[in-house]
């Protein structure tokens, strides 16, 4: 289970933290011939080697990296503007399936997850990282169907401010629930509503109000679900 969690952690770091926007743009433009596609694979290879820590599992690392290349290449080749969101989710699901299947093939774990402190450490670290950039991308793709209806000038807000606000609020919720301070979640929701009320009133835009509300509820819901899952595992 620890190895599986480390492999998922490597995937999250490689796909969301160590893949700049220009890499993605070049990959979408040149697909299989994009140099950044192979640099992206090299990043995953290094992360997997470091976190696996066992040279004897080289074949498992090779399976994950080669499958990552095939999945990414097919996604880049088959997606278009209207299906980018769908292919994002298909791509992530396939990557995770390969990781889980490969792990199940080579490992027969017999671990009591309620008492294995190292496992809890890796689970909390992976969950916390998931609630940052990966969740931001998931929410962004979930909201694609409505984003075209929202027309806001870039000069009206700080660059990527909404993304970082979402990351901070999810981490606050995650830490608060793990610490048992559920009242912090209600305070955070109330505070965000107060700060957003002026913007929504001035905007007088029902679509904008609904868009912000949906995004906020999805963000809060994911953070609460992850935090509750961790607390249940911890027993």
C-alpha atoms as a PDB file:
ATOM      1  CA  UNK A   1       0.000   0.000   0.000  1.00  0.00           C
ATOM      2  CA  UNK A   2       2.902   2.354   0.730  1.00  0.00           C
ATOM      3  CA  UNK A   3       4.404   1.643  -2.696  1.00  0.00           C
ATOM      4  CA  UNK A   4       1.057   2.315  -4.386  1.00  0.00           C
ATOM      5  CA  UNK A   5       0.698   5.622  -2.550  1.00  0.00           C
ATOM      6  CA  UNK A   6       4.239   6.627  -3.555  1.00  0.00           C
ATOM      7  CA  UNK A   7       3.507   5.854  -7.197  1.00  0.00           C
ATOM      8  CA  UNK A   8       0.334   7.965  -7.089  1.00  0.00           C
ATOM      9  CA  UNK A   9       2.344  10.727  -5.431  1.00  0.00           C
ATOM     10  CA  UNK A  10       4.909  10.532  -8.259  1.00  0.00           C
ATOM     11  CA  UNK A  11       2.085  10.816 -10.785  1.00  0.00           C
ATOM     12  CA  UNK A  12       0.600  13.882  -9.094  1.00  0.00           C
ATOM     13  CA  UNK A  13       3.971  15.637  -8.908  1.00  0.00           C
ATOM     14  CA  UNK A  14       4.898  14.780 -12.495  1.00  0.00           C
ATOM     15  CA  UNK A  15       1.553  15.646 -14.081  1.00  0.00           C
ATOM     16  CA  UNK A  16       0.561  18.733 -12.094  1.00  0.00           C
ATOM     17  CA  UNK A  17       3.603  20.260 -10.380  1.00  0.00           C
ATOM     18  CA  UNK A  18       6.412  19.645 -12.868  1.00  0.00           C
ATOM     19  CA  UNK A  19       4.623  20.204 -16.158  1.00  0.00           C
ATOM     20  CA  UNK A  20       4.584  23.918 -17.138  1.00  0.00           C
ATOM     21  CA  UNK A  21       1.871  25.341 -19.355  1.00  0.00           C
ATOM     22  CA  UNK A  22       4.246  25.691 -22.317  1.00  0.00           C
ATOM     23  CA  UNK A  23       4.918  21.947 -22.193  1.00  0.00           C
ATOM     24  CA  UNK A  24       1.192  21.237 -22.452  1.00  0.00           C
ATOM     25  CA  UNK A  25       0.752  23.721 -25.308  1.00  0.00           C
ATOM     26  CA  UNK A  26       3.596  22.196 -27.307  1.00  0.00           C
ATOM     27  CA  UNK A  27       2.291  18.679 -26.677  1.00  0.00           C
ATOM     28  CA  UNK A  28      -1.177  19.660 -27.909  1.00  0.00           C
ATOM     29  CA  UNK A  29       0.333  21.235 -31.020  1.00  0.00           C
ATOM     30  CA  UNK A  30       2.880  18.545 -31.995  1.00  0.00           C
ATOM     31  CA  UNK A  31       1.321  15.504 -30.246  1.00  0.00           C
ATOM     32  CA  UNK A  32       3.636  12.478 -30.653  1.00  0.00           C
ATOM     33  CA  UNK A  33       6.487  14.616 -32.033  1.00  0.00           C
ATOM     34  CA  UNK A  34       6.550  17.097 -29.150  1.00  0.00           C
ATOM     35  CA  UNK A  35       9.968  17.118 -27.396  1.00  0.00           C
ATOM     36  CA  UNK A  36       8.248  18.138 -24.156  1.00  0.00           C
ATOM     37  CA  UNK A  37       6.208  14.933 -24.236  1.00  0.00           C
ATOM     38  CA  UNK A  38       9.402  12.946 -23.817  1.00  0.00           C
ATOM     39  CA  UNK A  39      10.815  15.365 -21.258  1.00  0.00           C
ATOM     40  CA  UNK A  40       7.559  14.885 -19.355  1.00  0.00           C
ATOM     41  CA  UNK A  41       8.081  11.108 -19.477  1.00  0.00           C
ATOM     42  CA  UNK A  42      11.660  11.545 -18.247  1.00  0.00           C
ATOM     43  CA  UNK A  43      10.367  13.511 -15.245  1.00  0.00           C
ATOM     44  CA  UNK A  44       7.959  10.692 -14.408  1.00  0.00           C
ATOM     45  CA  UNK A  45      10.734   8.133 -14.805  1.00  0.00           C
ATOM     46  CA  UNK A  46      13.025   9.950 -12.370  1.00  0.00           C
ATOM     47  CA  UNK A  47      10.235  10.456  -9.825  1.00  0.00           C
ATOM     48  CA  UNK A  48       9.220   6.803  -9.973  1.00  0.00           C
ATOM     49  CA  UNK A  49      12.807   5.603  -9.569  1.00  0.00           C
ATOM     50  CA  UNK A  50      13.377   7.868  -6.574  1.00  0.00           C
ATOM     51  CA  UNK A  51      10.123   7.043  -4.795  1.00  0.00           C
ATOM     52  CA  UNK A  52      10.185   3.323  -5.612  1.00  0.00           C
ATOM     53  CA  UNK A  53      13.661   2.945  -4.139  1.00  0.00           C
ATOM     54  CA  UNK A  54      14.056  -0.632  -5.387  1.00  0.00           C
ATOM     55  CA  UNK A  55      16.091  -1.300  -8.578  1.00  0.00           C
ATOM     56  CA  UNK A  56      14.535  -4.755  -8.729  1.00  0.00           C
ATOM     57  CA  UNK A  57      11.201  -3.181  -9.654  1.00  0.00           C
ATOM     58  CA  UNK A  58      12.585  -1.588 -12.835  1.00  0.00           C
ATOM     59  CA  UNK A  59      10.094  -3.526 -14.968  1.00  0.00           C
ATOM     60  CA  UNK A  60       7.137  -2.063 -13.031  1.00  0.00           C
ATOM     61  CA  UNK A  61       8.536   1.457 -13.481  1.00  0.00           C
ATOM     62  CA  UNK A  62       8.998   0.743 -17.194  1.00  0.00           C
ATOM     63  CA  UNK A  63       5.390  -0.430 -17.540  1.00  0.00           C
ATOM     64  CA  UNK A  64       4.070   2.734 -15.897  1.00  0.00           C
ATOM     65  CA  UNK A  65       6.247   5.086 -17.965  1.00  0.00           C
ATOM     66  CA  UNK A  66       5.585   3.372 -21.325  1.00  0.00           C
ATOM     67  CA  UNK A  67       1.847   3.251 -20.637  1.00  0.00           C
ATOM     68  CA  UNK A  68       1.984   6.940 -19.677  1.00  0.00           C
ATOM     69  CA  UNK A  69       3.523   7.697 -23.077  1.00  0.00           C
ATOM     70  CA  UNK A  70       0.827   5.723 -24.935  1.00  0.00           C
ATOM     71  CA  UNK A  71      -2.054   7.223 -22.940  1.00  0.00           C
ATOM     72  CA  UNK A  72      -0.780  10.803 -23.279  1.00  0.00           C
ATOM     73  CA  UNK A  73      -0.092  10.371 -26.990  1.00  0.00           C
ATOM     74  CA  UNK A  74      -3.539   8.954 -27.715  1.00  0.00           C
ATOM     75  CA  UNK A  75      -5.201  11.693 -25.690  1.00  0.00           C
ATOM     76  CA  UNK A  76      -3.296  14.407 -27.584  1.00  0.00           C
ATOM     77  CA  UNK A  77      -4.158  12.803 -30.913  1.00  0.00           C
ATOM     78  CA  UNK A  78      -7.855  12.169 -30.250  1.00  0.00           C
ATOM     79  CA  UNK A  79      -8.924  15.230 -28.242  1.00  0.00           C
ATOM     80  CA  UNK A  80     -10.222  18.456 -29.759  1.00  0.00           C
ATOM     81  CA  UNK A  81     -11.500  21.727 -28.342  1.00  0.00           C
ATOM     82  CA  UNK A  82     -14.932  20.427 -27.375  1.00  0.00           C
ATOM     83  CA  UNK A  83     -13.685  17.177 -25.824  1.00  0.00           C
ATOM     84  CA  UNK A  84     -10.588  18.416 -23.968  1.00  0.00           C
ATOM     85  CA  UNK A  85     -12.350  18.192 -20.600  1.00  0.00           C
ATOM     86  CA  UNK A  86     -13.577  14.640 -21.261  1.00  0.00           C
ATOM     87  CA  UNK A  87     -10.159  13.442 -22.365  1.00  0.00           C
ATOM     88  CA  UNK A  88      -8.526  15.017 -19.312  1.00  0.00           C
ATOM     89  CA  UNK A  89     -10.586  12.748 -17.040  1.00  0.00           C
ATOM     90  CA  UNK A  90     -10.122   9.688 -19.279  1.00  0.00           C
ATOM     91  CA  UNK A  91      -6.367  10.329 -19.274  1.00  0.00           C
ATOM     92  CA  UNK A  92      -6.140  10.584 -15.475  1.00  0.00           C
ATOM     93  CA  UNK A  93      -8.350   7.546 -14.873  1.00  0.00           C
ATOM     94  CA  UNK A  94      -6.252   5.408 -17.238  1.00  0.00           C
ATOM     95  CA  UNK A  95      -2.990   6.512 -15.621  1.00  0.00           C
ATOM     96  CA  UNK A  96      -4.287   5.624 -12.162  1.00  0.00           C
ATOM     97  CA  UNK A  97      -5.669   2.291 -13.380  1.00  0.00           C
ATOM     98  CA  UNK A  98      -2.279   1.308 -14.808  1.00  0.00           C
ATOM     99  CA  UNK A  99      -0.578   2.241 -11.528  1.00  0.00           C
ATOM    100  CA  UNK A 100      -3.069   0.256  -9.427  1.00  0.00           C
ATOM    101  CA  UNK A 101      -3.016  -2.790 -11.725  1.00  0.00           C
ATOM    102  CA  UNK A 102       0.787  -2.821 -11.871  1.00  0.00           C
ATOM    103  CA  UNK A 103       0.994  -2.556  -8.088  1.00  0.00           C
ATOM    104  CA  UNK A 104      -1.560  -5.353  -7.615  1.00  0.00           C
ATOM    105  CA  UNK A 105       0.397  -7.546 -10.009  1.00  0.00           C
ATOM    106  CA  UNK A 106       3.724  -7.325  -8.172  1.00  0.00           C
ATOM    107  CA  UNK A 107       2.666  -6.782  -4.548  1.00  0.00           C
ATOM    108  CA  UNK A 108       0.516  -8.856  -2.211  1.00  0.00           C
ATOM    109  CA  UNK A 109       0.255  -6.491   0.782  1.00  0.00           C
ATOM    110  CA  UNK A 110      -0.729  -7.634   4.232  1.00  0.00           C
ATOM    111  CA  UNK A 111      -0.792  -4.349   6.108  1.00  0.00           C
ATOM    112  CA  UNK A 112      -3.063  -3.164   8.897  1.00  0.00           C
ATOM    113  CA  UNK A 113      -3.691   0.334   7.601  1.00  0.00           C
ATOM    114  CA  UNK A 114      -5.184   1.409  10.943  1.00  0.00           C
ATOM    115  CA  UNK A 115      -1.861   1.023  12.736  1.00  0.00           C
ATOM    116  CA  UNK A 116       0.725   1.613  10.000  1.00  0.00           C
ATOM    117  CA  UNK A 117       1.986   5.126  10.729  1.00  0.00           C
ATOM    118  CA  UNK A 118       4.214   5.345   7.631  1.00  0.00           C
ATOM    119  CA  UNK A 119       1.175   4.619   5.466  1.00  0.00           C
ATOM    120  CA  UNK A 120      -0.848   7.360   7.183  1.00  0.00           C
ATOM    121  CA  UNK A 121       1.984   9.788   6.548  1.00  0.00           C
ATOM    122  CA  UNK A 122       2.044   9.031   2.838  1.00  0.00           C
ATOM    123  CA  UNK A 123      -1.749   9.168   2.589  1.00  0.00           C
ATOM    124  CA  UNK A 124      -1.939  12.598   4.233  1.00  0.00           C
ATOM    125  CA  UNK A 125       0.892  13.948   2.065  1.00  0.00           C
ATOM    126  CA  UNK A 126      -0.699  12.621  -1.125  1.00  0.00           C
ATOM    127  CA  UNK A 127      -4.157  13.921  -0.150  1.00  0.00           C
ATOM    128  CA  UNK A 128      -2.780  17.379   0.692  1.00  0.00           C
ATOM    129  CA  UNK A 129      -0.970  17.615  -2.651  1.00  0.00           C
ATOM    130  CA  UNK A 130      -4.080  16.405  -4.481  1.00  0.00           C
ATOM    131  CA  UNK A 131      -6.069  19.265  -2.959  1.00  0.00           C
ATOM    132  CA  UNK A 132      -3.732  21.867  -4.512  1.00  0.00           C
ATOM    133  CA  UNK A 133      -3.105  22.016  -8.263  1.00  0.00           C
ATOM    134  CA  UNK A 134      -4.641  18.641  -9.232  1.00  0.00           C
ATOM    135  CA  UNK A 135      -8.007  19.553  -7.687  1.00  0.00           C
ATOM    136  CA  UNK A 136      -7.826  22.996  -9.305  1.00  0.00           C
ATOM    137  CA  UNK A 137      -7.477  21.311 -12.700  1.00  0.00           C
ATOM    138  CA  UNK A 138     -10.299  18.874 -11.935  1.00  0.00           C
ATOM    139  CA  UNK A 139     -12.625  21.746 -10.955  1.00  0.00           C
ATOM    140  CA  UNK A 140     -11.543  23.741 -13.999  1.00  0.00           C
ATOM    141  CA  UNK A 141     -12.498  20.885 -16.298  1.00  0.00           C
ATOM    142  CA  UNK A 142     -15.744  20.240 -14.438  1.00  0.00           C
ATOM    143  CA  UNK A 143     -16.653  23.909 -14.969  1.00  0.00           C
ATOM    144  CA  UNK A 144     -15.774  23.998 -18.676  1.00  0.00           C
ATOM    145  CA  UNK A 145     -19.402  23.691 -19.734  1.00  0.00           C
ATOM    146  CA  UNK A 146     -20.182  27.039 -18.052  1.00  0.00           C
ATOM    147  CA  UNK A 147     -16.902  28.939 -18.376  1.00  0.00           C
ATOM    148  CA  UNK A 148     -17.822  30.168 -21.857  1.00  0.00           C
ATOM    149  CA  UNK A 149     -20.814  32.037 -20.410  1.00  0.00           C
ATOM    150  CA  UNK A 150     -18.648  34.001 -17.982  1.00  0.00           C
ATOM    151  CA  UNK A 151     -17.010  37.047 -19.567  1.00  0.00           C
ATOM    152  CA  UNK A 152     -14.677  38.793 -17.151  1.00  0.00           C
ATOM    153  CA  UNK A 153     -11.776  40.997 -18.164  1.00  0.00           C
ATOM    154  CA  UNK A 154      -8.400  39.752 -16.973  1.00  0.00           C
ATOM    155  CA  UNK A 155      -7.622  43.216 -15.581  1.00  0.00           C
ATOM    156  CA  UNK A 156     -10.471  42.920 -13.086  1.00  0.00           C
ATOM    157  CA  UNK A 157      -8.684  40.330 -10.954  1.00  0.00           C
ATOM    158  CA  UNK A 158      -5.177  39.206 -10.044  1.00  0.00           C
ATOM    159  CA  UNK A 159      -3.600  36.581 -12.273  1.00  0.00           C
ATOM    160  CA  UNK A 160      -4.548  33.068 -11.067  1.00  0.00           C
ATOM    161  CA  UNK A 161      -5.956  34.584  -7.840  1.00  0.00           C
ATOM    162  CA  UNK A 162      -9.015  32.325  -7.897  1.00  0.00           C
ATOM    163  CA  UNK A 163      -6.845  29.211  -8.260  1.00  0.00           C
ATOM    164  CA  UNK A 164      -4.675  30.081  -5.263  1.00  0.00           C
ATOM    165  CA  UNK A 165      -7.685  31.083  -3.148  1.00  0.00           C
ATOM    166  CA  UNK A 166      -9.219  27.689  -3.907  1.00  0.00           C
ATOM    167  CA  UNK A 167      -5.996  25.867  -2.991  1.00  0.00           C
ATOM    168  CA  UNK A 168      -5.712  27.704   0.327  1.00  0.00           C
ATOM    169  CA  UNK A 169      -9.355  27.160   1.266  1.00  0.00           C
ATOM    170  CA  UNK A 170      -9.142  23.417   0.525  1.00  0.00           C
ATOM    171  CA  UNK A 171      -5.984  23.050   2.598  1.00  0.00           C
ATOM    172  CA  UNK A 172      -7.589  24.983   5.486  1.00  0.00           C
ATOM    173  CA  UNK A 173     -10.614  22.675   5.358  1.00  0.00           C
ATOM    174  CA  UNK A 174      -8.416  19.560   5.120  1.00  0.00           C
ATOM    175  CA  UNK A 175      -6.270  20.546   8.118  1.00  0.00           C
ATOM    176  CA  UNK A 176      -9.283  21.683  10.159  1.00  0.00           C
ATOM    177  CA  UNK A 177     -11.203  18.437   9.669  1.00  0.00           C
ATOM    178  CA  UNK A 178      -8.142  16.300  10.468  1.00  0.00           C
ATOM    179  CA  UNK A 179      -7.636  18.373  13.633  1.00  0.00           C
ATOM    180  CA  UNK A 180     -11.316  18.075  14.572  1.00  0.00           C
ATOM    181  CA  UNK A 181     -12.138  21.776  14.181  1.00  0.00           C
ATOM    182  CA  UNK A 182     -15.251  21.479  12.008  1.00  0.00           C
ATOM    183  CA  UNK A 183     -16.407  24.983  12.996  1.00  0.00           C
ATOM    184  CA  UNK A 184     -13.550  26.395  10.904  1.00  0.00           C
ATOM    185  CA  UNK A 185     -15.285  25.094   7.772  1.00  0.00           C
ATOM    186  CA  UNK A 186     -18.444  27.082   8.567  1.00  0.00           C
ATOM    187  CA  UNK A 187     -16.391  30.187   9.362  1.00  0.00           C
ATOM    188  CA  UNK A 188     -14.475  29.898   6.069  1.00  0.00           C
ATOM    189  CA  UNK A 189     -17.665  29.487   4.053  1.00  0.00           C
ATOM    190  CA  UNK A 190     -19.265  32.493   5.765  1.00  0.00           C
ATOM    191  CA  UNK A 191     -16.151  34.639   5.289  1.00  0.00           C
ATOM    192  CA  UNK A 192     -15.923  33.813   1.596  1.00  0.00           C
ATOM    193  CA  UNK A 193     -19.615  34.593   1.146  1.00  0.00           C
ATOM    194  CA  UNK A 194     -19.144  38.030   2.758  1.00  0.00           C
ATOM    195  CA  UNK A 195     -16.147  38.902   0.586  1.00  0.00           C
ATOM    196  CA  UNK A 196     -17.873  37.691  -2.576  1.00  0.00           C
ATOM    197  CA  UNK A 197     -21.194  39.403  -1.871  1.00  0.00           C
ATOM    198  CA  UNK A 198     -19.972  42.810  -3.058  1.00  0.00           C
ATOM    199  CA  UNK A 199     -18.589  41.405  -6.300  1.00  0.00           C
ATOM    200  CA  UNK A 200     -21.795  39.561  -7.071  1.00  0.00           C
ATOM    201  CA  UNK A 201     -23.962  42.584  -6.219  1.00  0.00           C
ATOM    202  CA  UNK A 202     -21.941  44.876  -8.462  1.00  0.00           C
ATOM    203  CA  UNK A 203     -21.875  42.320 -11.226  1.00  0.00           C
ATOM    204  CA  UNK A 204     -25.663  41.862 -11.141  1.00  0.00           C
ATOM    205  CA  UNK A 205     -25.062  38.728 -13.123  1.00  0.00           C
ATOM    206  CA  UNK A 206     -27.000  35.602 -12.236  1.00  0.00           C
ATOM    207  CA  UNK A 207     -24.686  33.431 -14.329  1.00  0.00           C
ATOM    208  CA  UNK A 208     -21.623  34.702 -12.479  1.00  0.00           C
ATOM    209  CA  UNK A 209     -23.319  34.097  -9.123  1.00  0.00           C
ATOM    210  CA  UNK A 210     -24.232  30.533 -10.058  1.00  0.00           C
ATOM    211  CA  UNK A 211     -20.764  29.893 -11.518  1.00  0.00           C
ATOM    212  CA  UNK A 212     -18.993  31.022  -8.332  1.00  0.00           C
ATOM    213  CA  UNK A 213     -21.429  29.093  -6.126  1.00  0.00           C
ATOM    214  CA  UNK A 214     -20.952  25.853  -8.066  1.00  0.00           C
ATOM    215  CA  UNK A 215     -17.173  26.211  -8.023  1.00  0.00           C
ATOM    216  CA  UNK A 216     -17.110  26.955  -4.304  1.00  0.00           C
ATOM    217  CA  UNK A 217     -19.348  24.013  -3.404  1.00  0.00           C
ATOM    218  CA  UNK A 218     -17.312  21.618  -5.561  1.00  0.00           C
ATOM    219  CA  UNK A 219     -14.082  22.880  -3.968  1.00  0.00           C
ATOM    220  CA  UNK A 220     -15.444  22.553  -0.433  1.00  0.00           C
ATOM    221  CA  UNK A 221     -17.037  19.186  -1.184  1.00  0.00           C
ATOM    222  CA  UNK A 222     -13.811  17.648  -2.510  1.00  0.00           C
ATOM    223  CA  UNK A 223     -11.798  18.940   0.464  1.00  0.00           C
ATOM    224  CA  UNK A 224     -14.354  17.601   2.959  1.00  0.00           C
ATOM    225  CA  UNK A 225     -14.567  14.219   1.214  1.00  0.00           C
ATOM    226  CA  UNK A 226     -10.785  13.761   1.169  1.00  0.00           C
ATOM    227  CA  UNK A 227     -10.422  14.855   4.809  1.00  0.00           C
ATOM    228  CA  UNK A 228     -13.231  12.552   5.979  1.00  0.00           C
ATOM    229  CA  UNK A 229     -11.717   9.653   4.023  1.00  0.00           C
ATOM    230  CA  UNK A 230      -8.376  10.159   5.771  1.00  0.00           C
ATOM    231  CA  UNK A 231     -10.021  10.342   9.207  1.00  0.00           C
ATOM    232  CA  UNK A 232     -11.936   7.108   8.526  1.00  0.00           C
ATOM    233  CA  UNK A 233      -8.725   5.316   7.494  1.00  0.00           C
ATOM    234  CA  UNK A 234      -6.982   6.597  10.614  1.00  0.00           C
ATOM    235  CA  UNK A 235      -9.813   5.069  12.625  1.00  0.00           C
END
